[in-house]
């Protein structure tokens, strides 16, 4: 099956790695119980809380172990033909997933099974990037992505039935429905909807970072 070799280099000792170092005296490639991403995150958290943290870097490579193969035989879920995949991002250091499996961090250069795949890049503070790709053995597949920052504000999209109602946010008139209001800091906002001949609607709605909250209001005639 699929195996991952996790490589970590540091200019000075890292305390959290001492247990693994002892294992390396018996086995130069000791097994770790965590998946590569969890392992790296644990090391990173321990390093970041140390003053004057050591300079370090990390990367992964994958390989496949097969048994009793014959020419042309293909194992379930795996294509024996591999193609080169190169992924870079701006900024770098994004987590790279292929078909939901963690491969490493950008910049990444490795071999993956040929065929159609879905890649996902994730980096804190930036929007996820997802793309369908087709890996071929003939030539490398190169992906270069400029990640988009997550907006520091949120927005509201307000509609009403019937439309054309006046919209007030925290008492300030903003326009008539349907109405999109952007540039709002995360928090609770009082939304008031007023239309002649209909009951006034008042309710609080939350605004979330980098998201648009849809507010759909049904207005009822005054009896």
N, C-alpha and C. Protein backbone atom coordinates (compact mmCIF):
# COMPACT_ATOMS: atom_id res chain seq x y z
N UNK A 1 0.81 -1.20 0.00
CA UNK A 1 0.00 0.00 0.00
C UNK A 1 0.85 1.25 0.00
N UNK A 2 0.19 2.37 0.26
CA UNK A 2 0.86 3.67 0.21
C UNK A 2 1.60 3.93 1.51
N UNK A 3 2.84 4.37 1.40
CA UNK A 3 3.65 4.72 2.56
C UNK A 3 4.18 6.14 2.40
N UNK A 4 4.44 6.78 3.54
CA UNK A 4 4.96 8.14 3.53
C UNK A 4 6.26 8.19 4.32
N UNK A 5 7.30 8.77 3.72
CA UNK A 5 8.54 9.04 4.44
C UNK A 5 8.52 10.51 4.83
N UNK A 6 8.61 10.76 6.14
CA UNK A 6 8.56 12.12 6.66
C UNK A 6 9.98 12.53 7.05
N UNK A 7 10.45 13.64 6.48
CA UNK A 7 11.82 14.10 6.69
C UNK A 7 11.79 15.45 7.39
N UNK A 8 12.53 15.56 8.49
CA UNK A 8 12.58 16.81 9.24
C UNK A 8 14.04 17.12 9.57
N UNK A 9 14.46 18.35 9.25
CA UNK A 9 15.83 18.76 9.53
C UNK A 9 15.82 20.03 10.39
N UNK A 10 16.73 20.07 11.37
CA UNK A 10 16.82 21.22 12.26
C UNK A 10 18.29 21.54 12.53
N UNK A 11 18.58 22.85 12.67
CA UNK A 11 19.96 23.26 12.96
C UNK A 11 20.34 23.04 14.41
N UNK A 12 19.36 22.77 15.26
CA UNK A 12 19.65 22.48 16.67
C UNK A 12 18.62 21.47 17.16
N UNK A 13 18.90 20.78 18.27
CA UNK A 13 17.98 19.72 18.75
C UNK A 13 16.59 20.25 19.07
N UNK A 14 15.60 19.41 18.83
CA UNK A 14 14.21 19.71 19.13
C UNK A 14 13.74 18.70 20.17
N UNK A 15 13.33 19.20 21.35
CA UNK A 15 13.02 18.31 22.47
C UNK A 15 11.96 17.28 22.13
N UNK A 16 10.92 17.70 21.41
CA UNK A 16 9.81 16.79 21.14
C UNK A 16 10.23 15.60 20.29
N UNK A 17 11.39 15.69 19.65
CA UNK A 17 11.86 14.60 18.78
C UNK A 17 12.77 13.62 19.49
N UNK A 18 13.08 13.86 20.76
CA UNK A 18 14.05 13.00 21.45
C UNK A 18 13.57 11.56 21.54
N UNK A 19 12.27 11.35 21.75
CA UNK A 19 11.76 9.97 21.81
C UNK A 19 11.97 9.25 20.49
N UNK A 20 11.78 9.97 19.39
CA UNK A 20 12.00 9.36 18.08
C UNK A 20 13.49 9.10 17.86
N UNK A 21 14.33 10.00 18.38
CA UNK A 21 15.76 9.83 18.20
C UNK A 21 16.24 8.53 18.84
N UNK A 22 15.67 8.19 20.01
CA UNK A 22 16.04 6.93 20.66
C UNK A 22 15.67 5.73 19.79
N UNK A 23 14.51 5.81 19.15
CA UNK A 23 14.10 4.72 18.28
C UNK A 23 15.02 4.57 17.07
N UNK A 24 15.60 5.69 16.64
CA UNK A 24 16.47 5.65 15.46
C UNK A 24 17.77 4.91 15.73
N UNK A 25 18.12 4.72 17.00
CA UNK A 25 19.30 3.93 17.31
C UNK A 25 19.09 2.47 16.93
N UNK A 26 17.82 2.03 16.93
CA UNK A 26 17.52 0.66 16.55
C UNK A 26 17.07 0.56 15.09
N UNK A 27 16.44 1.60 14.61
CA UNK A 27 15.91 1.59 13.26
C UNK A 27 16.10 2.98 12.66
N UNK A 28 16.86 3.10 11.56
CA UNK A 28 17.10 4.43 10.98
C UNK A 28 15.84 5.08 10.44
N UNK A 29 14.79 4.30 10.20
CA UNK A 29 13.51 4.85 9.74
C UNK A 29 12.39 4.35 10.66
N UNK A 30 12.31 4.88 11.88
CA UNK A 30 11.29 4.41 12.82
C UNK A 30 9.89 4.82 12.38
N UNK A 31 8.92 3.99 12.73
CA UNK A 31 7.52 4.30 12.41
C UNK A 31 6.97 5.31 13.41
N UNK A 32 6.13 6.21 12.94
CA UNK A 32 5.45 7.15 13.82
C UNK A 32 3.96 6.82 13.80
N UNK A 33 3.29 6.94 14.96
CA UNK A 33 1.87 6.56 15.02
C UNK A 33 0.96 7.56 14.34
N UNK A 34 1.39 8.84 14.25
CA UNK A 34 0.52 9.86 13.69
C UNK A 34 0.61 9.87 12.16
N UNK A 35 -0.38 10.50 11.53
CA UNK A 35 -0.23 10.74 10.10
C UNK A 35 0.72 11.94 9.94
N UNK A 36 1.32 12.12 8.75
CA UNK A 36 2.36 13.15 8.58
C UNK A 36 1.94 14.55 8.99
N UNK A 37 0.69 14.93 8.67
CA UNK A 37 0.26 16.29 8.99
C UNK A 37 0.17 16.50 10.50
N UNK A 38 -0.41 15.53 11.22
CA UNK A 38 -0.52 15.65 12.67
C UNK A 38 0.86 15.70 13.31
N UNK A 39 1.78 14.89 12.79
CA UNK A 39 3.14 14.86 13.32
C UNK A 39 3.81 16.22 13.15
N UNK A 40 3.71 16.79 11.95
CA UNK A 40 4.33 18.09 11.70
C UNK A 40 3.70 19.18 12.56
N UNK A 41 2.38 19.17 12.68
CA UNK A 41 1.70 20.18 13.49
C UNK A 41 2.12 20.10 14.95
N UNK A 42 2.31 18.87 15.47
CA UNK A 42 2.75 18.71 16.85
C UNK A 42 4.15 19.29 17.05
N UNK A 43 5.03 18.98 16.11
CA UNK A 43 6.40 19.51 16.20
C UNK A 43 6.38 21.03 16.10
N UNK A 44 5.59 21.56 15.15
CA UNK A 44 5.54 23.01 14.94
C UNK A 44 5.05 23.74 16.17
N UNK A 45 3.99 23.19 16.83
CA UNK A 45 3.46 23.83 18.02
C UNK A 45 4.49 23.87 19.14
N UNK A 46 5.27 22.80 19.28
CA UNK A 46 6.29 22.77 20.32
C UNK A 46 7.43 23.72 20.03
N UNK A 47 7.75 23.90 18.75
CA UNK A 47 8.85 24.80 18.39
C UNK A 47 8.43 26.25 18.56
N UNK A 48 7.19 26.58 18.17
CA UNK A 48 6.76 27.98 18.17
C UNK A 48 6.68 28.59 19.55
N UNK A 49 6.53 27.77 20.60
CA UNK A 49 6.41 28.33 21.93
C UNK A 49 7.77 28.52 22.60
N UNK A 50 8.83 28.12 21.91
CA UNK A 50 10.18 28.25 22.46
C UNK A 50 10.83 29.54 21.96
N UNK A 51 11.34 30.39 22.88
CA UNK A 51 12.04 31.60 22.44
C UNK A 51 13.25 31.24 21.59
N UNK A 52 13.53 32.07 20.58
CA UNK A 52 14.65 31.82 19.68
C UNK A 52 14.59 30.41 19.12
N UNK A 53 13.43 30.05 18.59
CA UNK A 53 13.20 28.69 18.08
C UNK A 53 14.22 28.36 16.99
N UNK A 54 14.64 27.10 16.93
CA UNK A 54 15.63 26.70 15.93
C UNK A 54 15.10 26.79 14.51
N UNK A 55 16.01 26.99 13.57
CA UNK A 55 15.63 26.95 12.16
C UNK A 55 15.41 25.50 11.76
N UNK A 56 14.30 25.25 11.08
CA UNK A 56 13.99 23.88 10.71
C UNK A 56 13.15 23.86 9.45
N UNK A 57 13.09 22.72 8.83
CA UNK A 57 12.27 22.53 7.64
C UNK A 57 11.80 21.08 7.60
N UNK A 58 10.76 20.84 6.84
CA UNK A 58 10.20 19.49 6.77
C UNK A 58 9.61 19.24 5.40
N UNK A 59 9.55 17.95 5.02
CA UNK A 59 8.95 17.57 3.75
C UNK A 59 8.56 16.10 3.80
N UNK A 60 7.77 15.68 2.83
CA UNK A 60 7.32 14.29 2.75
C UNK A 60 7.55 13.76 1.35
N UNK A 61 7.70 12.46 1.25
CA UNK A 61 7.68 11.80 -0.05
C UNK A 61 6.90 10.50 0.12
N UNK A 62 6.27 10.04 -0.93
CA UNK A 62 5.46 8.84 -0.84
C UNK A 62 6.00 7.75 -1.75
N UNK A 63 5.71 6.51 -1.40
CA UNK A 63 6.02 5.39 -2.27
C UNK A 63 4.98 4.30 -2.05
N UNK A 64 4.94 3.34 -2.94
CA UNK A 64 3.96 2.26 -2.87
C UNK A 64 4.68 0.92 -2.73
N UNK A 65 4.18 0.09 -1.83
CA UNK A 65 4.70 -1.25 -1.63
C UNK A 65 3.74 -2.24 -2.27
N UNK A 66 4.26 -3.10 -3.16
CA UNK A 66 3.43 -4.09 -3.82
C UNK A 66 4.05 -5.46 -3.58
N UNK A 67 3.28 -6.49 -3.78
CA UNK A 67 3.73 -7.85 -3.52
C UNK A 67 3.21 -8.79 -4.60
N UNK A 68 4.09 -9.67 -5.09
CA UNK A 68 3.69 -10.69 -6.03
C UNK A 68 3.11 -10.15 -7.31
N UNK A 69 3.66 -9.06 -7.83
CA UNK A 69 3.11 -8.46 -9.03
C UNK A 69 3.51 -9.24 -10.27
N UNK A 70 2.68 -9.19 -11.26
CA UNK A 70 2.99 -9.73 -12.57
C UNK A 70 2.80 -8.61 -13.57
N UNK A 71 3.48 -8.66 -14.71
CA UNK A 71 3.37 -7.55 -15.68
C UNK A 71 1.92 -7.24 -16.01
N UNK A 72 1.58 -5.97 -15.91
CA UNK A 72 0.23 -5.53 -16.24
C UNK A 72 -0.76 -5.63 -15.11
N UNK A 73 -0.35 -6.21 -13.96
CA UNK A 73 -1.29 -6.35 -12.85
C UNK A 73 -1.46 -5.02 -12.13
N UNK A 74 -2.69 -4.67 -11.81
CA UNK A 74 -2.99 -3.43 -11.11
C UNK A 74 -3.73 -3.76 -9.82
N UNK A 75 -3.26 -3.21 -8.71
CA UNK A 75 -3.90 -3.46 -7.42
C UNK A 75 -5.11 -2.56 -7.27
N UNK A 76 -6.12 -2.99 -6.52
CA UNK A 76 -7.32 -2.17 -6.34
C UNK A 76 -6.98 -0.81 -5.74
N UNK A 77 -7.53 0.24 -6.34
CA UNK A 77 -7.33 1.59 -5.81
C UNK A 77 -5.98 2.18 -6.12
N UNK A 78 -5.17 1.51 -6.93
CA UNK A 78 -3.84 2.04 -7.20
C UNK A 78 -3.45 1.79 -8.64
N UNK A 79 -2.93 2.77 -9.31
CA UNK A 79 -2.42 2.62 -10.66
C UNK A 79 -0.92 2.51 -10.58
N UNK A 80 -0.34 1.48 -11.17
CA UNK A 80 1.10 1.26 -11.06
C UNK A 80 1.89 2.32 -11.82
N UNK A 81 1.28 2.97 -12.82
CA UNK A 81 1.97 4.01 -13.55
C UNK A 81 1.92 5.31 -12.75
N UNK A 82 3.07 5.96 -12.66
CA UNK A 82 3.15 7.20 -11.88
C UNK A 82 3.53 8.35 -12.79
N UNK A 83 3.09 9.51 -12.41
CA UNK A 83 3.46 10.73 -13.11
C UNK A 83 3.92 11.77 -12.12
N UNK A 84 4.68 12.74 -12.58
CA UNK A 84 5.25 13.76 -11.69
C UNK A 84 4.26 14.90 -11.49
N UNK A 85 4.12 15.30 -10.22
CA UNK A 85 3.26 16.42 -9.85
C UNK A 85 4.09 17.46 -9.11
N UNK A 86 4.05 18.69 -9.60
CA UNK A 86 4.74 19.80 -8.95
C UNK A 86 3.71 20.86 -8.59
N UNK A 87 3.66 21.20 -7.30
CA UNK A 87 2.68 22.19 -6.83
C UNK A 87 3.40 23.26 -6.03
N UNK A 88 3.20 24.49 -6.41
CA UNK A 88 3.75 25.62 -5.65
C UNK A 88 2.62 26.59 -5.35
N UNK A 89 2.79 27.34 -4.28
CA UNK A 89 1.77 28.31 -3.90
C UNK A 89 2.42 29.58 -3.38
N UNK A 90 1.69 30.67 -3.50
CA UNK A 90 2.12 31.95 -2.95
C UNK A 90 1.03 32.46 -2.02
N UNK A 91 1.28 32.48 -0.68
CA UNK A 91 2.52 32.07 -0.02
C UNK A 91 2.67 30.56 0.03
N UNK A 92 3.90 30.11 0.30
CA UNK A 92 4.19 28.69 0.38
C UNK A 92 3.80 28.14 1.75
N UNK A 93 3.97 26.84 1.93
CA UNK A 93 3.66 26.21 3.21
C UNK A 93 2.23 25.73 3.33
N UNK A 94 1.48 25.71 2.21
CA UNK A 94 0.10 25.23 2.25
C UNK A 94 0.06 23.71 2.32
N UNK A 95 -0.89 23.17 3.04
CA UNK A 95 -1.09 21.72 3.11
C UNK A 95 -1.68 21.26 1.78
N UNK A 96 -1.10 20.19 1.23
CA UNK A 96 -1.53 19.66 -0.06
C UNK A 96 -2.20 18.30 0.14
N UNK A 97 -3.43 18.19 -0.38
CA UNK A 97 -4.17 16.94 -0.33
C UNK A 97 -4.50 16.51 -1.76
N UNK A 98 -4.44 15.22 -2.01
CA UNK A 98 -4.87 14.67 -3.29
C UNK A 98 -5.89 13.58 -3.01
N UNK A 99 -7.09 13.78 -3.54
CA UNK A 99 -8.20 12.85 -3.29
C UNK A 99 -8.43 12.65 -1.79
N UNK A 100 -8.25 13.74 -1.02
CA UNK A 100 -8.48 13.69 0.42
C UNK A 100 -7.32 13.17 1.24
N UNK A 101 -6.21 12.78 0.61
CA UNK A 101 -5.07 12.26 1.34
C UNK A 101 -3.96 13.30 1.40
N UNK A 102 -3.38 13.47 2.57
CA UNK A 102 -2.35 14.48 2.77
C UNK A 102 -1.04 14.03 2.11
N UNK A 103 -0.45 14.92 1.29
CA UNK A 103 0.81 14.61 0.62
C UNK A 103 2.00 15.35 1.20
N UNK A 104 1.79 16.57 1.66
CA UNK A 104 2.90 17.37 2.16
C UNK A 104 2.56 18.84 2.09
N UNK A 105 3.60 19.67 2.02
CA UNK A 105 3.41 21.11 2.01
C UNK A 105 4.06 21.70 0.75
N UNK A 106 3.50 22.81 0.30
CA UNK A 106 4.07 23.48 -0.87
C UNK A 106 5.32 24.25 -0.48
N UNK A 107 6.33 24.28 -1.37
CA UNK A 107 6.37 23.66 -2.70
C UNK A 107 6.53 22.14 -2.60
N UNK A 108 5.82 21.44 -3.49
CA UNK A 108 5.81 19.97 -3.49
C UNK A 108 6.22 19.46 -4.86
N UNK A 109 7.03 18.41 -4.87
CA UNK A 109 7.45 17.77 -6.11
C UNK A 109 7.55 16.27 -5.83
N UNK A 110 6.66 15.50 -6.43
CA UNK A 110 6.67 14.07 -6.19
C UNK A 110 5.91 13.32 -7.26
N UNK A 111 5.82 12.01 -7.11
CA UNK A 111 5.14 11.15 -8.07
C UNK A 111 3.82 10.66 -7.50
N UNK A 112 2.78 10.68 -8.31
CA UNK A 112 1.46 10.20 -7.92
C UNK A 112 0.92 9.33 -9.04
N UNK A 113 -0.05 8.46 -8.73
CA UNK A 113 -0.61 7.60 -9.77
C UNK A 113 -1.23 8.41 -10.91
N UNK A 114 -1.06 7.90 -12.14
CA UNK A 114 -1.64 8.60 -13.28
C UNK A 114 -3.16 8.51 -13.21
N UNK A 115 -3.81 9.45 -13.85
CA UNK A 115 -5.26 9.47 -13.86
C UNK A 115 -5.80 10.79 -13.34
N UNK A 116 -7.11 10.84 -13.18
CA UNK A 116 -7.77 12.06 -12.71
C UNK A 116 -7.78 12.10 -11.19
N UNK A 117 -7.46 13.26 -10.65
CA UNK A 117 -7.41 13.45 -9.20
C UNK A 117 -7.97 14.82 -8.86
N UNK A 118 -8.29 14.99 -7.59
CA UNK A 118 -8.71 16.29 -7.07
C UNK A 118 -7.67 16.73 -6.05
N UNK A 119 -7.11 17.93 -6.22
CA UNK A 119 -6.13 18.43 -5.27
C UNK A 119 -6.76 19.56 -4.46
N UNK A 120 -6.30 19.68 -3.23
CA UNK A 120 -6.79 20.71 -2.31
C UNK A 120 -5.61 21.33 -1.60
N UNK A 121 -5.57 22.66 -1.59
CA UNK A 121 -4.55 23.40 -0.84
C UNK A 121 -5.23 24.15 0.29
N UNK A 122 -4.65 24.05 1.49
CA UNK A 122 -5.20 24.74 2.65
C UNK A 122 -4.07 25.45 3.41
N UNK A 123 -4.31 26.71 3.74
CA UNK A 123 -3.35 27.49 4.52
C UNK A 123 -4.13 28.44 5.41
N UNK A 124 -3.77 28.48 6.68
CA UNK A 124 -4.47 29.32 7.64
C UNK A 124 -4.47 30.78 7.19
N UNK A 125 -5.64 31.41 7.20
CA UNK A 125 -5.76 32.80 6.80
C UNK A 125 -6.07 32.99 5.33
N UNK A 126 -6.12 31.87 4.57
CA UNK A 126 -6.35 31.95 3.13
C UNK A 126 -7.49 31.02 2.73
N UNK A 127 -8.16 31.36 1.63
CA UNK A 127 -9.25 30.54 1.14
C UNK A 127 -8.71 29.23 0.57
N UNK A 128 -9.48 28.15 0.76
CA UNK A 128 -9.09 26.85 0.19
C UNK A 128 -9.04 26.96 -1.33
N UNK A 129 -8.11 26.21 -1.92
CA UNK A 129 -8.01 26.12 -3.38
C UNK A 129 -8.19 24.68 -3.78
N UNK A 130 -9.14 24.42 -4.68
CA UNK A 130 -9.40 23.06 -5.13
C UNK A 130 -9.42 23.02 -6.65
N UNK A 131 -8.86 21.94 -7.21
CA UNK A 131 -8.77 21.84 -8.67
C UNK A 131 -8.72 20.36 -9.05
N UNK A 132 -9.40 20.03 -10.14
CA UNK A 132 -9.31 18.68 -10.70
C UNK A 132 -8.17 18.65 -11.72
N UNK A 133 -7.33 17.63 -11.62
CA UNK A 133 -6.17 17.52 -12.50
C UNK A 133 -6.12 16.14 -13.12
N UNK A 134 -5.35 16.02 -14.20
CA UNK A 134 -5.15 14.74 -14.87
C UNK A 134 -3.65 14.48 -14.94
N UNK A 135 -3.18 13.46 -14.24
CA UNK A 135 -1.76 13.12 -14.20
C UNK A 135 -1.45 12.16 -15.34
N UNK A 136 -0.42 12.47 -16.12
CA UNK A 136 0.02 11.59 -17.19
C UNK A 136 1.49 11.27 -17.00
N UNK A 137 1.93 10.10 -17.47
CA UNK A 137 3.35 9.74 -17.33
C UNK A 137 4.24 10.46 -18.34
N UNK A 138 3.61 11.09 -19.35
CA UNK A 138 4.40 11.68 -20.44
C UNK A 138 5.15 12.93 -20.02
N UNK A 139 4.50 13.78 -19.22
CA UNK A 139 5.14 15.04 -18.83
C UNK A 139 4.64 15.47 -17.46
N UNK A 140 5.44 16.25 -16.72
CA UNK A 140 5.05 16.67 -15.37
C UNK A 140 3.80 17.55 -15.40
N UNK A 141 3.00 17.42 -14.37
CA UNK A 141 1.85 18.30 -14.17
C UNK A 141 2.26 19.37 -13.17
N UNK A 142 2.20 20.63 -13.60
CA UNK A 142 2.66 21.73 -12.76
C UNK A 142 1.49 22.63 -12.39
N UNK A 143 1.35 22.88 -11.10
CA UNK A 143 0.30 23.76 -10.58
C UNK A 143 0.96 24.89 -9.79
N UNK A 144 0.65 26.11 -10.17
CA UNK A 144 1.17 27.29 -9.45
C UNK A 144 -0.02 28.14 -9.04
N UNK A 145 -0.21 28.32 -7.73
CA UNK A 145 -1.43 28.94 -7.22
C UNK A 145 -1.09 30.16 -6.37
N UNK A 146 -1.80 31.25 -6.62
CA UNK A 146 -1.73 32.41 -5.73
C UNK A 146 -2.95 32.35 -4.83
N UNK A 147 -2.73 32.03 -3.57
CA UNK A 147 -3.84 31.86 -2.63
C UNK A 147 -4.47 33.21 -2.29
N UNK A 148 -5.80 33.20 -2.14
CA UNK A 148 -6.53 34.42 -1.84
C UNK A 148 -6.76 34.53 -0.33
N UNK A 149 -6.38 35.66 0.27
CA UNK A 149 -6.62 35.84 1.71
C UNK A 149 -8.10 35.78 2.05
N UNK A 150 -8.41 35.24 3.22
CA UNK A 150 -9.79 35.28 3.70
C UNK A 150 -10.11 36.73 4.11
N UNK A 151 -11.18 37.29 3.59
CA UNK A 151 -11.52 38.67 3.95
C UNK A 151 -11.64 38.84 5.47
N UNK A 152 -11.18 39.99 5.96
CA UNK A 152 -11.24 40.26 7.40
C UNK A 152 -12.62 40.75 7.82
N UNK A 153 -13.55 40.81 6.87
CA UNK A 153 -14.89 41.26 7.16
C UNK A 153 -15.90 40.28 6.60
N UNK A 154 -17.15 40.45 6.95
CA UNK A 154 -18.22 39.61 6.43
C UNK A 154 -19.28 40.46 5.77
N UNK A 155 -20.35 39.81 5.32
CA UNK A 155 -21.40 40.56 4.64
C UNK A 155 -22.76 39.92 4.91
N UNK A 156 -23.80 40.67 4.61
CA UNK A 156 -25.18 40.21 4.71
C UNK A 156 -25.86 40.36 3.36
N UNK A 157 -26.64 39.36 2.99
CA UNK A 157 -27.48 39.48 1.79
C UNK A 157 -28.92 39.33 2.25
N UNK A 158 -29.67 40.41 2.14
CA UNK A 158 -31.01 40.48 2.73
C UNK A 158 -32.06 40.53 1.64
N UNK A 159 -33.01 39.60 1.70
CA UNK A 159 -34.15 39.60 0.78
C UNK A 159 -35.43 39.57 1.60
N UNK A 160 -36.51 40.00 0.98
CA UNK A 160 -37.81 39.97 1.67
C UNK A 160 -38.90 39.62 0.67
N UNK A 161 -39.99 39.09 1.21
CA UNK A 161 -41.17 38.78 0.41
C UNK A 161 -42.38 39.47 1.06
N UNK A 162 -42.90 40.52 0.46
CA UNK A 162 -42.51 41.11 -0.83
C UNK A 162 -41.21 41.91 -0.73
N UNK A 163 -40.60 42.15 -1.89
CA UNK A 163 -39.35 42.91 -1.93
C UNK A 163 -39.65 44.42 -1.87
N UNK A 164 -38.60 45.22 -1.93
CA UNK A 164 -38.76 46.68 -1.90
C UNK A 164 -38.95 47.24 -0.51
N UNK A 165 -38.59 46.45 0.53
CA UNK A 165 -38.72 46.93 1.91
C UNK A 165 -37.46 47.68 2.32
N UNK A 166 -37.64 48.65 3.23
CA UNK A 166 -36.50 49.40 3.75
C UNK A 166 -35.71 48.53 4.73
N UNK A 167 -34.37 48.62 4.63
CA UNK A 167 -33.48 47.83 5.48
C UNK A 167 -32.71 48.76 6.40
N UNK A 168 -32.76 48.47 7.70
CA UNK A 168 -31.99 49.22 8.69
C UNK A 168 -31.05 48.25 9.40
N UNK A 169 -29.78 48.64 9.53
CA UNK A 169 -28.79 47.86 10.27
C UNK A 169 -28.38 48.67 11.50
N UNK A 170 -28.68 48.13 12.68
CA UNK A 170 -28.41 48.84 13.93
C UNK A 170 -28.99 50.26 13.90
N UNK A 171 -30.16 50.39 13.29
CA UNK A 171 -30.85 51.67 13.27
C UNK A 171 -30.52 52.56 12.10
N UNK A 172 -29.51 52.21 11.30
CA UNK A 172 -29.12 53.03 10.15
C UNK A 172 -29.72 52.47 8.87
N UNK A 173 -30.38 53.34 8.10
CA UNK A 173 -30.99 52.89 6.86
C UNK A 173 -29.91 52.60 5.81
N UNK A 174 -30.03 51.42 5.16
CA UNK A 174 -29.00 51.00 4.20
C UNK A 174 -29.52 50.89 2.77
N UNK A 175 -30.83 50.74 2.60
CA UNK A 175 -31.37 50.60 1.25
C UNK A 175 -32.63 49.76 1.28
N UNK A 176 -32.98 49.21 0.11
CA UNK A 176 -34.18 48.40 -0.01
C UNK A 176 -33.83 46.98 -0.46
N UNK A 177 -34.68 46.04 -0.05
CA UNK A 177 -34.45 44.65 -0.43
C UNK A 177 -34.78 44.44 -1.92
N UNK A 178 -34.03 43.54 -2.60
CA UNK A 178 -32.89 42.76 -2.08
C UNK A 178 -31.65 43.64 -1.96
N UNK A 179 -30.85 43.36 -0.93
CA UNK A 179 -29.71 44.23 -0.62
C UNK A 179 -28.54 43.43 -0.08
N UNK A 180 -27.36 43.69 -0.63
CA UNK A 180 -26.12 43.10 -0.11
C UNK A 180 -25.33 44.18 0.62
N UNK A 181 -24.93 43.89 1.85
CA UNK A 181 -24.17 44.85 2.65
C UNK A 181 -22.85 44.20 3.03
N UNK A 182 -21.76 44.76 2.55
CA UNK A 182 -20.43 44.23 2.84
C UNK A 182 -19.66 45.11 3.80
N UNK A 183 -18.42 44.69 4.08
CA UNK A 183 -17.56 45.48 4.96
C UNK A 183 -17.97 45.49 6.41
N UNK A 184 -18.66 44.42 6.86
CA UNK A 184 -19.11 44.35 8.25
C UNK A 184 -18.13 43.53 9.10
N UNK A 185 -17.79 44.06 10.24
CA UNK A 185 -16.93 43.32 11.15
C UNK A 185 -17.73 42.19 11.81
N UNK A 186 -17.07 41.08 12.13
CA UNK A 186 -17.79 39.96 12.77
C UNK A 186 -18.49 40.40 14.05
N UNK A 187 -19.69 39.91 14.26
CA UNK A 187 -20.46 40.26 15.45
C UNK A 187 -21.96 40.16 15.18
N UNK A 188 -22.75 40.62 16.15
CA UNK A 188 -24.21 40.59 16.05
C UNK A 188 -24.72 41.93 15.51
N UNK A 189 -25.69 41.85 14.60
CA UNK A 189 -26.26 43.06 14.02
C UNK A 189 -27.78 42.99 14.10
N UNK A 190 -28.38 44.14 14.47
CA UNK A 190 -29.84 44.21 14.49
C UNK A 190 -30.34 44.58 13.10
N UNK A 191 -31.19 43.72 12.55
CA UNK A 191 -31.75 43.97 11.22
C UNK A 191 -33.24 44.31 11.37
N UNK A 192 -33.60 45.45 10.82
CA UNK A 192 -34.99 45.89 10.85
C UNK A 192 -35.48 46.05 9.41
N UNK A 193 -36.62 45.42 9.11
CA UNK A 193 -37.21 45.49 7.78
C UNK A 193 -38.58 46.16 7.89
N UNK A 194 -38.77 47.25 7.14
CA UNK A 194 -40.02 48.01 7.22
C UNK A 194 -40.60 48.19 5.83
N UNK A 195 -41.88 47.88 5.70
CA UNK A 195 -42.60 48.13 4.45
C UNK A 195 -44.02 48.54 4.78
N UNK A 196 -44.48 49.58 4.12
CA UNK A 196 -45.82 50.10 4.39
C UNK A 196 -46.88 49.02 4.17
N UNK A 197 -47.78 48.87 5.16
CA UNK A 197 -48.85 47.90 5.09
C UNK A 197 -48.48 46.54 5.63
N UNK A 198 -47.21 46.40 6.11
CA UNK A 198 -46.74 45.11 6.63
C UNK A 198 -46.15 45.28 8.03
N UNK A 199 -46.20 44.21 8.79
CA UNK A 199 -45.62 44.24 10.13
C UNK A 199 -44.10 44.44 10.06
N UNK A 200 -43.58 45.23 11.00
CA UNK A 200 -42.13 45.47 11.04
C UNK A 200 -41.41 44.21 11.54
N UNK A 201 -40.31 43.88 10.86
CA UNK A 201 -39.50 42.72 11.23
C UNK A 201 -38.23 43.21 11.91
N UNK A 202 -37.95 42.68 13.11
CA UNK A 202 -36.72 43.03 13.83
C UNK A 202 -36.11 41.75 14.39
N UNK A 203 -34.83 41.56 14.07
CA UNK A 203 -34.14 40.36 14.59
C UNK A 203 -32.64 40.58 14.50
N UNK A 204 -31.88 39.88 15.38
CA UNK A 204 -30.42 39.96 15.37
C UNK A 204 -29.85 38.80 14.56
N UNK A 205 -28.82 39.10 13.77
CA UNK A 205 -28.14 38.09 12.97
C UNK A 205 -26.62 38.22 13.17
N UNK A 206 -25.90 37.09 13.16
CA UNK A 206 -24.45 37.15 13.30
C UNK A 206 -23.77 37.35 11.94
N UNK A 207 -22.64 38.02 11.96
CA UNK A 207 -21.78 38.15 10.78
C UNK A 207 -20.48 37.43 11.07
N UNK A 208 -20.05 36.60 10.12
CA UNK A 208 -18.85 35.79 10.31
C UNK A 208 -17.75 36.25 9.37
N UNK A 209 -16.52 36.03 9.81
CA UNK A 209 -15.34 36.43 9.05
C UNK A 209 -15.32 35.74 7.70
N UNK A 210 -15.23 36.54 6.63
CA UNK A 210 -15.09 35.99 5.29
C UNK A 210 -16.30 35.27 4.74
N UNK A 211 -17.48 35.46 5.35
CA UNK A 211 -18.68 34.76 4.90
C UNK A 211 -19.80 35.75 4.62
N UNK A 212 -20.73 35.31 3.77
CA UNK A 212 -21.96 36.07 3.51
C UNK A 212 -23.13 35.34 4.16
N UNK A 213 -23.82 36.01 5.06
CA UNK A 213 -24.98 35.43 5.73
C UNK A 213 -26.23 35.84 4.97
N UNK A 214 -27.01 34.85 4.54
CA UNK A 214 -28.25 35.12 3.83
C UNK A 214 -29.40 35.30 4.83
N UNK A 215 -30.11 36.40 4.69
CA UNK A 215 -31.26 36.71 5.54
C UNK A 215 -32.50 36.79 4.65
N UNK A 216 -33.37 35.81 4.79
CA UNK A 216 -34.60 35.77 4.00
C UNK A 216 -35.80 36.05 4.92
N UNK A 217 -36.51 37.13 4.65
CA UNK A 217 -37.57 37.59 5.55
C UNK A 217 -38.93 37.50 4.87
N UNK A 218 -39.88 36.88 5.54
CA UNK A 218 -41.27 36.84 5.08
C UNK A 218 -42.04 37.92 5.84
N UNK A 219 -42.55 38.92 5.12
CA UNK A 219 -43.32 40.00 5.74
C UNK A 219 -44.81 39.64 5.72
N UNK A 220 -45.50 40.00 6.81
CA UNK A 220 -46.92 39.67 6.95
C UNK A 220 -47.76 40.95 6.97
N UNK A 221 -48.88 40.97 6.23
CA UNK A 221 -49.73 42.19 6.19
C UNK A 221 -50.26 42.52 7.57
N UNK A 222 -50.41 43.83 7.80
CA UNK A 222 -51.00 44.28 9.06
C UNK A 222 -52.50 44.01 9.01
N UNK A 223 -53.03 43.40 10.04
CA UNK A 223 -54.46 43.07 10.08
C UNK A 223 -55.23 44.13 10.86
